[in-house]
Amino acid sequence: MDPVNTDDVTPRAETVETGAGTARVTWLDAPAPRLVLALGHGAGGGIEARDLKALGAALPAHGVTVALVEQPWRVAGKKLAPAPKTLDTGWRGLWPALAAAGPPVVAGGRSAGARVACRTAAELGARAVLALSFPLHPPGRPEKTRADELLGCGVDALVVQGGNDPFGKPAEFRPGDYRITEVPYGDHGFAVPKRSGLTEERAMEILTASVAGWLADLK
């Protein structure tokens, strides 16, 4: 796995025992944090995802400590993610370590990690939810909607979605008590085609600016 690189923050790692096994948290500490943003990875990758790395690099300067969470299956070196119930168990088990940092915790993640954050936010007392590349439905199967997970999260929420995400384009999301930001041309991993004229750097600037602005509005 590639290391998480930031310009000004030295990552520190913590292992946490959960009911699903050993999880790992990579902390990127803000000097005077007012929030903790916990970010889980998707089912097909880890915390090296471009959006998670970009947020970890950008947000500490905005007073937000970022906690990049690796689920137990990933720490154990397994290739396939377990069932949603097991993912939720792992997330619940590491939540006390996130809350122990002190500031209110915003639950978040990309793809499957976003679903976990939505399903557990209210019961764990999350301040809000950040859903990156929320998998609204399997590709080509819009009838298999997971909208209820997002709509039922019970807290303030921001969805950041690629304009060409096959798991759900921004226009497919039903209105609800959440904000949505589009990264133009982005796919499920926020990669953008060269022909679009949008660079990956600019795509990540759109993403990080929208998240930073939303977090700044949280009281």
C-alpha atoms as a PDB file:
ATOM      1  CA  MET A   1       0.000   0.000   0.000  1.00  0.00           C
ATOM      2  CA  ASP A   2       1.241   3.466  -0.839  1.00  0.00           C
ATOM      3  CA  PRO A   3       1.888   5.718   2.158  1.00  0.00           C
ATOM      4  CA  VAL A   4      -0.377   8.641   2.885  1.00  0.00           C
ATOM      5  CA  ASN A   5       1.616  11.775   2.109  1.00  0.00           C
ATOM      6  CA  THR A   6       0.878  15.255   3.394  1.00  0.00           C
ATOM      7  CA  ASP A   7       2.908  18.432   3.196  1.00  0.00           C
ATOM      8  CA  ASP A   8       2.677  19.539   6.805  1.00  0.00           C
ATOM      9  CA  VAL A   9       1.265  16.686   8.880  1.00  0.00           C
ATOM     10  CA  THR A  10       3.084  13.621  10.161  1.00  0.00           C
ATOM     11  CA  PRO A  11       0.717  10.624  10.186  1.00  0.00           C
ATOM     12  CA  ARG A  12       0.487   8.468  13.291  1.00  0.00           C
ATOM     13  CA  ALA A  13      -1.019   5.004  13.318  1.00  0.00           C
ATOM     14  CA  GLU A  14      -3.175   3.360  15.963  1.00  0.00           C
ATOM     15  CA  THR A  15      -4.527  -0.175  16.015  1.00  0.00           C
ATOM     16  CA  VAL A  16      -7.941  -0.798  17.537  1.00  0.00           C
ATOM     17  CA  GLU A  17      -9.483  -4.132  18.476  1.00  0.00           C
ATOM     18  CA  THR A  18     -13.078  -4.556  17.301  1.00  0.00           C
ATOM     19  CA  GLY A  19     -15.633  -7.318  17.210  1.00  0.00           C
ATOM     20  CA  ALA A  20     -14.656  -7.910  13.585  1.00  0.00           C
ATOM     21  CA  GLY A  21     -10.896  -8.008  14.200  1.00  0.00           C
ATOM     22  CA  THR A  22      -8.058  -5.506  14.387  1.00  0.00           C
ATOM     23  CA  ALA A  23      -8.678  -2.172  12.688  1.00  0.00           C
ATOM     24  CA  ARG A  24      -6.126   0.550  12.051  1.00  0.00           C
ATOM     25  CA  VAL A  25      -6.514   4.329  12.188  1.00  0.00           C
ATOM     26  CA  THR A  26      -4.038   6.682  10.522  1.00  0.00           C
ATOM     27  CA  TRP A  27      -4.346  10.054  12.240  1.00  0.00           C
ATOM     28  CA  LEU A  28      -3.573  13.313  10.465  1.00  0.00           C
ATOM     29  CA  ASP A  29      -3.803  15.809  13.299  1.00  0.00           C
ATOM     30  CA  ALA A  30      -4.882  19.427  13.063  1.00  0.00           C
ATOM     31  CA  PRO A  31      -2.937  21.775  15.381  1.00  0.00           C
ATOM     32  CA  ALA A  32      -6.117  22.946  17.147  1.00  0.00           C
ATOM     33  CA  PRO A  33      -8.897  20.631  15.956  1.00  0.00           C
ATOM     34  CA  ARG A  34     -12.558  21.565  16.175  1.00  0.00           C
ATOM     35  CA  LEU A  35     -13.734  18.401  14.401  1.00  0.00           C
ATOM     36  CA  VAL A  36     -12.542  14.881  13.659  1.00  0.00           C
ATOM     37  CA  LEU A  37     -13.406  13.511  10.227  1.00  0.00           C
ATOM     38  CA  ALA A  38     -13.297   9.706  10.191  1.00  0.00           C
ATOM     39  CA  LEU A  39     -13.032   8.264   6.691  1.00  0.00           C
ATOM     40  CA  GLY A  40     -13.507   4.619   5.799  1.00  0.00           C
ATOM     41  CA  HIS A  41     -12.372   3.107   2.504  1.00  0.00           C
ATOM     42  CA  GLY A  42     -14.334   1.241  -0.122  1.00  0.00           C
ATOM     43  CA  ALA A  43     -14.724  -2.468  -0.803  1.00  0.00           C
ATOM     44  CA  GLY A  44     -12.122  -2.485  -3.557  1.00  0.00           C
ATOM     45  CA  GLY A  45      -9.291  -0.461  -2.036  1.00  0.00           C
ATOM     46  CA  GLY A  46      -7.814   1.176   1.019  1.00  0.00           C
ATOM     47  CA  ILE A  47      -6.897   4.563   2.400  1.00  0.00           C
ATOM     48  CA  GLU A  48      -4.602   5.227  -0.551  1.00  0.00           C
ATOM     49  CA  ALA A  49      -7.652   6.300  -2.607  1.00  0.00           C
ATOM     50  CA  ARG A  50      -7.097   9.702  -4.223  1.00  0.00           C
ATOM     51  CA  ASP A  51     -10.026  11.401  -2.494  1.00  0.00           C
ATOM     52  CA  LEU A  52      -9.078  10.160   0.979  1.00  0.00           C
ATOM     53  CA  LYS A  53      -5.452  11.205   0.485  1.00  0.00           C
ATOM     54  CA  ALA A  54      -6.512  14.636  -0.778  1.00  0.00           C
ATOM     55  CA  LEU A  55      -8.739  15.260   2.230  1.00  0.00           C
ATOM     56  CA  GLY A  56      -6.063  14.037   4.623  1.00  0.00           C
ATOM     57  CA  ALA A  57      -3.620  16.502   3.106  1.00  0.00           C
ATOM     58  CA  ALA A  58      -5.970  19.499   2.975  1.00  0.00           C
ATOM     59  CA  LEU A  59      -8.203  19.468   6.022  1.00  0.00           C
ATOM     60  CA  PRO A  60      -5.816  19.674   9.019  1.00  0.00           C
ATOM     61  CA  ALA A  61      -5.015  23.250   7.960  1.00  0.00           C
ATOM     62  CA  HIS A  62      -8.746  23.972   8.331  1.00  0.00           C
ATOM     63  CA  GLY A  63      -8.910  22.753  11.922  1.00  0.00           C
ATOM     64  CA  VAL A  64     -10.102  19.245  11.084  1.00  0.00           C
ATOM     65  CA  THR A  65      -8.209  16.176  12.242  1.00  0.00           C
ATOM     66  CA  VAL A  66      -8.585  13.393   9.669  1.00  0.00           C
ATOM     67  CA  ALA A  67      -8.728   9.766  10.801  1.00  0.00           C
ATOM     68  CA  LEU A  68      -8.251   7.335   7.906  1.00  0.00           C
ATOM     69  CA  VAL A  69      -9.815   4.060   8.978  1.00  0.00           C
ATOM     70  CA  GLU A  70      -8.784   0.641   7.677  1.00  0.00           C
ATOM     71  CA  GLN A  71     -11.359  -2.035   8.326  1.00  0.00           C
ATOM     72  CA  PRO A  72     -10.168  -5.322   9.896  1.00  0.00           C
ATOM     73  CA  TRP A  73     -10.476  -7.273   6.644  1.00  0.00           C
ATOM     74  CA  ARG A  74      -8.097  -4.851   4.977  1.00  0.00           C
ATOM     75  CA  VAL A  75      -5.629  -4.893   7.881  1.00  0.00           C
ATOM     76  CA  ALA A  76      -5.661  -8.700   7.722  1.00  0.00           C
ATOM     77  CA  GLY A  77      -4.677  -8.583   4.045  1.00  0.00           C
ATOM     78  CA  LYS A  78      -7.882 -10.098   2.691  1.00  0.00           C
ATOM     79  CA  LYS A  79      -8.927  -9.339  -0.872  1.00  0.00           C
ATOM     80  CA  LEU A  80     -12.698  -9.230  -0.473  1.00  0.00           C
ATOM     81  CA  ALA A  81     -14.757  -7.121   1.894  1.00  0.00           C
ATOM     82  CA  PRO A  82     -17.130  -8.967   4.244  1.00  0.00           C
ATOM     83  CA  ALA A  83     -20.876  -8.476   4.515  1.00  0.00           C
ATOM     84  CA  PRO A  84     -22.257  -5.052   5.464  1.00  0.00           C
ATOM     85  CA  LYS A  85     -23.150  -6.279   8.958  1.00  0.00           C
ATOM     86  CA  THR A  86     -19.490  -7.145   9.603  1.00  0.00           C
ATOM     87  CA  LEU A  87     -18.326  -3.783   8.252  1.00  0.00           C
ATOM     88  CA  ASP A  88     -20.735  -2.061  10.640  1.00  0.00           C
ATOM     89  CA  THR A  89     -19.395  -4.143  13.536  1.00  0.00           C
ATOM     90  CA  GLY A  90     -15.849  -3.050  12.777  1.00  0.00           C
ATOM     91  CA  TRP A  91     -16.877   0.611  12.541  1.00  0.00           C
ATOM     92  CA  ARG A  92     -18.820   0.494  15.795  1.00  0.00           C
ATOM     93  CA  GLY A  93     -15.882  -1.121  17.543  1.00  0.00           C
ATOM     94  CA  LEU A  94     -13.411   1.587  16.622  1.00  0.00           C
ATOM     95  CA  TRP A  95     -15.778   4.506  17.255  1.00  0.00           C
ATOM     96  CA  PRO A  96     -14.726   4.932  20.930  1.00  0.00           C
ATOM     97  CA  ALA A  97     -11.142   5.531  19.768  1.00  0.00           C
ATOM     98  CA  LEU A  98     -12.373   8.204  17.375  1.00  0.00           C
ATOM     99  CA  ALA A  99     -14.535   9.876  20.009  1.00  0.00           C
ATOM    100  CA  ALA A 100     -11.676   9.799  22.532  1.00  0.00           C
ATOM    101  CA  ALA A 101      -9.841  12.414  20.459  1.00  0.00           C
ATOM    102  CA  GLY A 102     -12.195  14.997  21.962  1.00  0.00           C
ATOM    103  CA  PRO A 103     -13.843  17.047  19.186  1.00  0.00           C
ATOM    104  CA  PRO A 104     -17.169  16.039  17.608  1.00  0.00           C
ATOM    105  CA  VAL A 105     -16.724  13.264  15.050  1.00  0.00           C
ATOM    106  CA  VAL A 106     -18.022  13.455  11.487  1.00  0.00           C
ATOM    107  CA  ALA A 107     -18.490   9.948  10.092  1.00  0.00           C
ATOM    108  CA  GLY A 108     -17.486   9.479   6.490  1.00  0.00           C
ATOM    109  CA  GLY A 109     -16.087   7.250   3.836  1.00  0.00           C
ATOM    110  CA  ARG A 110     -16.046   6.414   0.183  1.00  0.00           C
ATOM    111  CA  SER A 111     -18.358   3.918  -1.512  1.00  0.00           C
ATOM    112  CA  ALA A 112     -18.953   1.007   0.905  1.00  0.00           C
ATOM    113  CA  GLY A 113     -17.400   3.142   3.642  1.00  0.00           C
ATOM    114  CA  ALA A 114     -19.995   5.841   2.973  1.00  0.00           C
ATOM    115  CA  ARG A 115     -22.766   3.288   3.396  1.00  0.00           C
ATOM    116  CA  VAL A 116     -21.319   2.190   6.740  1.00  0.00           C
ATOM    117  CA  ALA A 117     -21.171   5.800   7.919  1.00  0.00           C
ATOM    118  CA  CYS A 118     -24.785   6.394   6.911  1.00  0.00           C
ATOM    119  CA  ARG A 119     -26.111   3.219   8.533  1.00  0.00           C
ATOM    120  CA  THR A 120     -24.458   3.858  11.896  1.00  0.00           C
ATOM    121  CA  ALA A 121     -24.314   7.665  12.210  1.00  0.00           C
ATOM    122  CA  ALA A 122     -27.371   8.242  14.393  1.00  0.00           C
ATOM    123  CA  GLU A 123     -26.729   5.418  16.837  1.00  0.00           C
ATOM    124  CA  LEU A 124     -23.073   6.372  17.312  1.00  0.00           C
ATOM    125  CA  GLY A 125     -23.767  10.062  17.751  1.00  0.00           C
ATOM    126  CA  ALA A 126     -21.901  11.284  14.679  1.00  0.00           C
ATOM    127  CA  ARG A 127     -22.041  15.027  14.175  1.00  0.00           C
ATOM    128  CA  ALA A 128     -22.641  14.590  10.433  1.00  0.00           C
ATOM    129  CA  VAL A 129     -21.918  12.261   7.509  1.00  0.00           C
ATOM    130  CA  LEU A 130     -19.633  12.743   4.514  1.00  0.00           C
ATOM    131  CA  ALA A 131     -20.496  10.320   1.711  1.00  0.00           C
ATOM    132  CA  LEU A 132     -17.886  10.151  -1.053  1.00  0.00           C
ATOM    133  CA  SER A 133     -18.957   8.278  -4.191  1.00  0.00           C
ATOM    134  CA  PHE A 134     -22.076   6.937  -2.489  1.00  0.00           C
ATOM    135  CA  PRO A 135     -23.003   3.735  -4.362  1.00  0.00           C
ATOM    136  CA  LEU A 136     -26.637   4.578  -4.966  1.00  0.00           C
ATOM    137  CA  HIS A 137     -27.131   1.367  -6.939  1.00  0.00           C
ATOM    138  CA  PRO A 138     -25.045  -1.323  -8.640  1.00  0.00           C
ATOM    139  CA  PRO A 139     -23.916  -0.266 -12.142  1.00  0.00           C
ATOM    140  CA  GLY A 140     -26.752  -0.687 -14.592  1.00  0.00           C
ATOM    141  CA  ARG A 141     -29.255  -1.613 -11.856  1.00  0.00           C
ATOM    142  CA  PRO A 142     -30.966   1.631 -10.792  1.00  0.00           C
ATOM    143  CA  GLU A 143     -33.895  -0.359  -9.410  1.00  0.00           C
ATOM    144  CA  LYS A 144     -31.578  -1.743  -6.701  1.00  0.00           C
ATOM    145  CA  THR A 145     -31.457   1.597  -4.919  1.00  0.00           C
ATOM    146  CA  ARG A 146     -29.710   2.201  -1.613  1.00  0.00           C
ATOM    147  CA  ALA A 147     -31.172   5.669  -1.225  1.00  0.00           C
ATOM    148  CA  ASP A 148     -32.820   4.777   2.090  1.00  0.00           C
ATOM    149  CA  GLU A 149     -29.417   4.398   3.744  1.00  0.00           C
ATOM    150  CA  LEU A 150     -28.525   7.974   2.851  1.00  0.00           C
ATOM    151  CA  LEU A 151     -31.960   9.449   3.470  1.00  0.00           C
ATOM    152  CA  GLY A 152     -32.211   7.666   6.805  1.00  0.00           C
ATOM    153  CA  CYS A 153     -28.824   8.611   8.230  1.00  0.00           C
ATOM    154  CA  GLY A 154     -30.489  11.040  10.627  1.00  0.00           C
ATOM    155  CA  VAL A 155     -27.786  13.734  10.643  1.00  0.00           C
ATOM    156  CA  ASP A 156     -26.473  16.503   8.388  1.00  0.00           C
ATOM    157  CA  ALA A 157     -24.880  14.983   5.296  1.00  0.00           C
ATOM    158  CA  LEU A 158     -22.831  15.918   2.262  1.00  0.00           C
ATOM    159  CA  VAL A 159     -22.574  13.687  -0.799  1.00  0.00           C
ATOM    160  CA  VAL A 160     -19.668  14.253  -3.191  1.00  0.00           C
ATOM    161  CA  GLN A 161     -20.323  12.384  -6.426  1.00  0.00           C
ATOM    162  CA  GLY A 162     -18.543  12.053  -9.737  1.00  0.00           C
ATOM    163  CA  GLY A 163     -20.519  13.314 -12.708  1.00  0.00           C
ATOM    164  CA  ASN A 164     -20.000   9.986 -14.521  1.00  0.00           C
ATOM    165  CA  ASP A 165     -20.205   7.612 -11.561  1.00  0.00           C
ATOM    166  CA  PRO A 166     -21.785   4.358 -12.824  1.00  0.00           C
ATOM    167  CA  PHE A 167     -22.983   3.654  -9.255  1.00  0.00           C
ATOM    168  CA  GLY A 168     -25.177   6.753  -9.422  1.00  0.00           C
ATOM    169  CA  LYS A 169     -24.833  10.099 -11.161  1.00  0.00           C
ATOM    170  CA  PRO A 170     -25.730  13.233  -9.172  1.00  0.00           C
ATOM    171  CA  ALA A 171     -29.011  13.715 -11.084  1.00  0.00           C
ATOM    172  CA  GLU A 172     -30.185  10.271  -9.940  1.00  0.00           C
ATOM    173  CA  PHE A 173     -30.229  11.222  -6.249  1.00  0.00           C
ATOM    174  CA  ARG A 174     -33.648  11.976  -4.794  1.00  0.00           C
ATOM    175  CA  PRO A 175     -34.060  15.257  -2.926  1.00  0.00           C
ATOM    176  CA  GLY A 176     -33.440  14.919   0.785  1.00  0.00           C
ATOM    177  CA  ASP A 177     -31.978  16.498   3.887  1.00  0.00           C
ATOM    178  CA  TYR A 178     -28.442  16.542   2.527  1.00  0.00           C
ATOM    179  CA  ARG A 179     -26.213  18.523   0.202  1.00  0.00           C
ATOM    180  CA  ILE A 180     -24.665  17.128  -2.949  1.00  0.00           C
ATOM    181  CA  THR A 181     -21.583  18.336  -4.810  1.00  0.00           C
ATOM    182  CA  GLU A 182     -20.613  17.116  -8.262  1.00  0.00           C
ATOM    183  CA  VAL A 183     -17.057  16.539  -9.402  1.00  0.00           C
ATOM    184  CA  PRO A 184     -17.508  17.017 -13.161  1.00  0.00           C
ATOM    185  CA  TYR A 185     -16.657  14.016 -15.358  1.00  0.00           C
ATOM    186  CA  GLY A 186     -15.482  11.993 -12.346  1.00  0.00           C
ATOM    187  CA  ASP A 187     -15.988   8.240 -12.215  1.00  0.00           C
ATOM    188  CA  HIS A 188     -16.500   6.181  -9.043  1.00  0.00           C
ATOM    189  CA  GLY A 189     -12.892   6.846  -8.017  1.00  0.00           C
ATOM    190  CA  PHE A 190     -13.047  10.518  -9.116  1.00  0.00           C
ATOM    191  CA  ALA A 191     -10.745   9.828 -12.041  1.00  0.00           C
ATOM    192  CA  VAL A 192     -11.435  12.241 -14.906  1.00  0.00           C
ATOM    193  CA  PRO A 193     -10.771  11.560 -18.611  1.00  0.00           C
ATOM    194  CA  LYS A 194      -8.084  13.630 -20.293  1.00  0.00           C
ATOM    195  CA  ARG A 195     -10.486  14.712 -22.998  1.00  0.00           C
ATOM    196  CA  SER A 196     -12.604  16.493 -20.382  1.00  0.00           C
ATOM    197  CA  GLY A 197      -9.984  19.202 -19.915  1.00  0.00           C
ATOM    198  CA  LEU A 198     -10.272  18.789 -16.142  1.00  0.00           C
ATOM    199  CA  THR A 199      -7.080  17.651 -14.428  1.00  0.00           C
ATOM    200  CA  GLU A 200      -7.030  15.265 -11.497  1.00  0.00           C
ATOM    201  CA  GLU A 201      -5.523  18.066  -9.419  1.00  0.00           C
ATOM    202  CA  ARG A 202      -8.455  20.340 -10.224  1.00  0.00           C
ATOM    203  CA  ALA A 203     -10.948  17.552  -9.519  1.00  0.00           C
ATOM    204  CA  MET A 204      -9.435  17.081  -6.061  1.00  0.00           C
ATOM    205  CA  GLU A 205      -9.490  20.842  -5.479  1.00  0.00           C
ATOM    206  CA  ILE A 206     -13.235  20.848  -6.174  1.00  0.00           C
ATOM    207  CA  LEU A 207     -13.724  17.951  -3.789  1.00  0.00           C
ATOM    208  CA  THR A 208     -11.597  19.281  -0.933  1.00  0.00           C
ATOM    209  CA  ALA A 209     -12.979  22.824  -1.207  1.00  0.00           C
ATOM    210  CA  SER A 210     -16.565  21.588  -1.057  1.00  0.00           C
ATOM    211  CA  VAL A 211     -15.846  19.397   1.965  1.00  0.00           C
ATOM    212  CA  ALA A 212     -13.882  22.117   3.775  1.00  0.00           C
ATOM    213  CA  GLY A 213     -16.673  24.636   3.180  1.00  0.00           C
ATOM    214  CA  TRP A 214     -19.356  22.235   4.401  1.00  0.00           C
ATOM    215  CA  LEU A 215     -17.371  21.356   7.523  1.00  0.00           C
ATOM    216  CA  ALA A 216     -16.858  25.049   8.248  1.00  0.00           C
ATOM    217  CA  ASP A 217     -20.651  25.483   8.282  1.00  0.00           C
ATOM    218  CA  LEU A 218     -21.187  22.754  10.881  1.00  0.00           C
ATOM    219  CA  LYS A 219     -21.938  24.269  14.279  1.00  0.00           C
END
